[in-house]
Amino acid sequence: MELSAYLLVSALLFAIGVFGAVARRNIISVLMAVELMFNAANLNLVAANRLLYPGATVGQVMAIFSITIAAAEAVVGLALVLAIYRKFDNVFVEKFDLLKG
């Protein structure tokens, strides 16, 4: 396959992730959409590395590093969701007014 096909799939995944992050009301759905955007970036890294520099593994290493960062982000995000759920008894984004002065 050509690089343009991988870039198209990655762009579609990223667009779906952006739409999910903006349009969803449930914070868990927003976190899942952010993870989808991370996966789109990983697909970009691996596809560009595989097709432009076939012998190098820099793209795969960066993708694995990005996956570990995304896993840490998911753990912190879910811990925050759990704390917010315990305080407000719901997980809808528009109900959060913690930062209002």
C-alpha atoms as a PDB file:
ATOM      1  CA  MET A   1       0.000   0.000   0.000  1.00  0.00           C
ATOM      2  CA  GLU A   2       1.064   3.553  -0.547  1.00  0.00           C
ATOM      3  CA  LEU A   3       1.741   6.096   2.150  1.00  0.00           C
ATOM      4  CA  SER A   4      -1.277   8.143   1.074  1.00  0.00           C
ATOM      5  CA  ALA A   5      -3.669   5.314   2.003  1.00  0.00           C
ATOM      6  CA  TYR A   6      -2.224   5.083   5.501  1.00  0.00           C
ATOM      7  CA  LEU A   7      -2.325   8.852   5.874  1.00  0.00           C
ATOM      8  CA  LEU A   8      -5.960   8.900   4.760  1.00  0.00           C
ATOM      9  CA  VAL A   9      -6.942   6.248   7.315  1.00  0.00           C
ATOM     10  CA  SER A  10      -4.986   8.090   9.985  1.00  0.00           C
ATOM     11  CA  ALA A  11      -6.656  11.388   9.115  1.00  0.00           C
ATOM     12  CA  LEU A  12     -10.088   9.750   9.279  1.00  0.00           C
ATOM     13  CA  LEU A  13      -9.294   8.223  12.682  1.00  0.00           C
ATOM     14  CA  PHE A  14      -8.060  11.574  13.948  1.00  0.00           C
ATOM     15  CA  ALA A  15     -11.157  13.374  12.632  1.00  0.00           C
ATOM     16  CA  ILE A  16     -13.435  10.828  14.313  1.00  0.00           C
ATOM     17  CA  GLY A  17     -11.479  11.339  17.529  1.00  0.00           C
ATOM     18  CA  VAL A  18     -11.799  15.124  17.353  1.00  0.00           C
ATOM     19  CA  PHE A  19     -15.515  14.852  16.679  1.00  0.00           C
ATOM     20  CA  GLY A  20     -15.920  12.453  19.601  1.00  0.00           C
ATOM     21  CA  ALA A  21     -13.962  14.715  21.941  1.00  0.00           C
ATOM     22  CA  VAL A  22     -16.001  17.780  20.989  1.00  0.00           C
ATOM     23  CA  ALA A  23     -19.475  16.295  20.590  1.00  0.00           C
ATOM     24  CA  ARG A  24     -19.700  13.828  23.474  1.00  0.00           C
ATOM     25  CA  ARG A  25     -21.100  14.721  26.878  1.00  0.00           C
ATOM     26  CA  ASN A  26     -19.806  11.722  28.803  1.00  0.00           C
ATOM     27  CA  ILE A  27     -16.226  12.211  29.986  1.00  0.00           C
ATOM     28  CA  ILE A  28     -15.382   8.533  29.466  1.00  0.00           C
ATOM     29  CA  SER A  29     -16.386   8.866  25.807  1.00  0.00           C
ATOM     30  CA  VAL A  30     -14.187  11.952  25.545  1.00  0.00           C
ATOM     31  CA  LEU A  31     -11.233   9.992  26.951  1.00  0.00           C
ATOM     32  CA  MET A  32     -11.868   7.207  24.431  1.00  0.00           C
ATOM     33  CA  ALA A  33     -11.898   9.782  21.622  1.00  0.00           C
ATOM     34  CA  VAL A  34      -8.559  11.181  22.805  1.00  0.00           C
ATOM     35  CA  GLU A  35      -7.136   7.649  22.772  1.00  0.00           C
ATOM     36  CA  LEU A  36      -8.385   7.281  19.194  1.00  0.00           C
ATOM     37  CA  MET A  37      -6.461  10.430  18.265  1.00  0.00           C
ATOM     38  CA  PHE A  38      -3.319   8.969  19.868  1.00  0.00           C
ATOM     39  CA  ASN A  39      -3.782   5.802  17.808  1.00  0.00           C
ATOM     40  CA  ALA A  40      -4.113   7.866  14.630  1.00  0.00           C
ATOM     41  CA  ALA A  41      -0.804   9.561  15.420  1.00  0.00           C
ATOM     42  CA  ASN A  42       0.804   6.167  16.055  1.00  0.00           C
ATOM     43  CA  LEU A  43      -0.433   4.904  12.696  1.00  0.00           C
ATOM     44  CA  ASN A  44       1.145   7.957  11.072  1.00  0.00           C
ATOM     45  CA  LEU A  45       4.470   7.287  12.779  1.00  0.00           C
ATOM     46  CA  VAL A  46       4.630   3.622  11.848  1.00  0.00           C
ATOM     47  CA  ALA A  47       3.409   4.086   8.271  1.00  0.00           C
ATOM     48  CA  ALA A  48       5.811   6.918   7.539  1.00  0.00           C
ATOM     49  CA  ASN A  49       8.717   5.003   9.038  1.00  0.00           C
ATOM     50  CA  ARG A  50       7.889   1.768   7.214  1.00  0.00           C
ATOM     51  CA  LEU A  51       7.449   3.352   3.811  1.00  0.00           C
ATOM     52  CA  LEU A  52      10.087   6.096   3.926  1.00  0.00           C
ATOM     53  CA  TYR A  53      12.841   4.381   5.945  1.00  0.00           C
ATOM     54  CA  PRO A  54      12.273   0.602   5.744  1.00  0.00           C
ATOM     55  CA  GLY A  55      15.444  -0.369   7.621  1.00  0.00           C
ATOM     56  CA  ALA A  56      15.051   2.007  10.569  1.00  0.00           C
ATOM     57  CA  THR A  57      12.939   1.328  13.643  1.00  0.00           C
ATOM     58  CA  VAL A  58      12.639   4.899  14.886  1.00  0.00           C
ATOM     59  CA  GLY A  59       8.937   5.119  14.001  1.00  0.00           C
ATOM     60  CA  GLN A  60       8.099   1.925  15.869  1.00  0.00           C
ATOM     61  CA  VAL A  61      10.054   3.071  18.929  1.00  0.00           C
ATOM     62  CA  MET A  62       8.248   6.410  18.907  1.00  0.00           C
ATOM     63  CA  ALA A  63       4.893   4.631  18.541  1.00  0.00           C
ATOM     64  CA  ILE A  64       5.644   2.351  21.513  1.00  0.00           C
ATOM     65  CA  PHE A  65       6.705   5.383  23.551  1.00  0.00           C
ATOM     66  CA  SER A  66       3.475   7.132  22.555  1.00  0.00           C
ATOM     67  CA  ILE A  67       1.447   4.070  23.567  1.00  0.00           C
ATOM     68  CA  THR A  68       3.023   4.110  27.041  1.00  0.00           C
ATOM     69  CA  ILE A  69       2.287   7.823  27.377  1.00  0.00           C
ATOM     70  CA  ALA A  70      -1.316   7.202  26.273  1.00  0.00           C
ATOM     71  CA  ALA A  71      -1.663   4.418  28.843  1.00  0.00           C
ATOM     72  CA  ALA A  72      -0.444   6.744  31.589  1.00  0.00           C
ATOM     73  CA  GLU A  73      -2.838   9.429  30.358  1.00  0.00           C
ATOM     74  CA  ALA A  74      -5.714   6.954  30.473  1.00  0.00           C
ATOM     75  CA  VAL A  75      -4.875   5.932  34.043  1.00  0.00           C
ATOM     76  CA  VAL A  76      -4.713   9.536  35.225  1.00  0.00           C
ATOM     77  CA  GLY A  77      -7.869  10.438  33.302  1.00  0.00           C
ATOM     78  CA  LEU A  78      -9.858   7.529  34.719  1.00  0.00           C
ATOM     79  CA  ALA A  79      -8.638   8.353  38.235  1.00  0.00           C
ATOM     80  CA  LEU A  80      -9.893  11.911  37.757  1.00  0.00           C
ATOM     81  CA  VAL A  81     -13.208  10.611  36.410  1.00  0.00           C
ATOM     82  CA  LEU A  82     -13.573   8.384  39.467  1.00  0.00           C
ATOM     83  CA  ALA A  83     -12.860  11.296  41.810  1.00  0.00           C
ATOM     84  CA  ILE A  84     -15.324  13.537  39.961  1.00  0.00           C
ATOM     85  CA  TYR A  85     -17.961  10.791  40.011  1.00  0.00           C
ATOM     86  CA  ARG A  86     -17.562  10.412  43.761  1.00  0.00           C
ATOM     87  CA  LYS A  87     -17.984  14.173  44.267  1.00  0.00           C
ATOM     88  CA  PHE A  88     -20.772  14.963  41.758  1.00  0.00           C
ATOM     89  CA  ASP A  89     -22.386  11.539  41.235  1.00  0.00           C
ATOM     90  CA  ASN A  90     -22.293  11.857  37.425  1.00  0.00           C
ATOM     91  CA  VAL A  91     -19.749  11.934  34.608  1.00  0.00           C
ATOM     92  CA  PHE A  92     -21.237  14.463  32.191  1.00  0.00           C
ATOM     93  CA  VAL A  93     -18.903  17.202  31.036  1.00  0.00           C
ATOM     94  CA  GLU A  94     -21.336  20.114  31.285  1.00  0.00           C
ATOM     95  CA  LYS A  95     -22.003  19.446  34.981  1.00  0.00           C
ATOM     96  CA  PHE A  96     -18.419  20.203  36.023  1.00  0.00           C
ATOM     97  CA  ASP A  97     -18.075  23.658  37.527  1.00  0.00           C
ATOM     98  CA  LEU A  98     -14.996  23.100  39.668  1.00  0.00           C
ATOM     99  CA  LEU A  99     -13.035  25.957  38.094  1.00  0.00           C
ATOM    100  CA  LYS A 100     -15.770  28.598  38.163  1.00  0.00           C
ATOM    101  CA  GLY A 101     -14.863  31.541  40.365  1.00  0.00           C
END
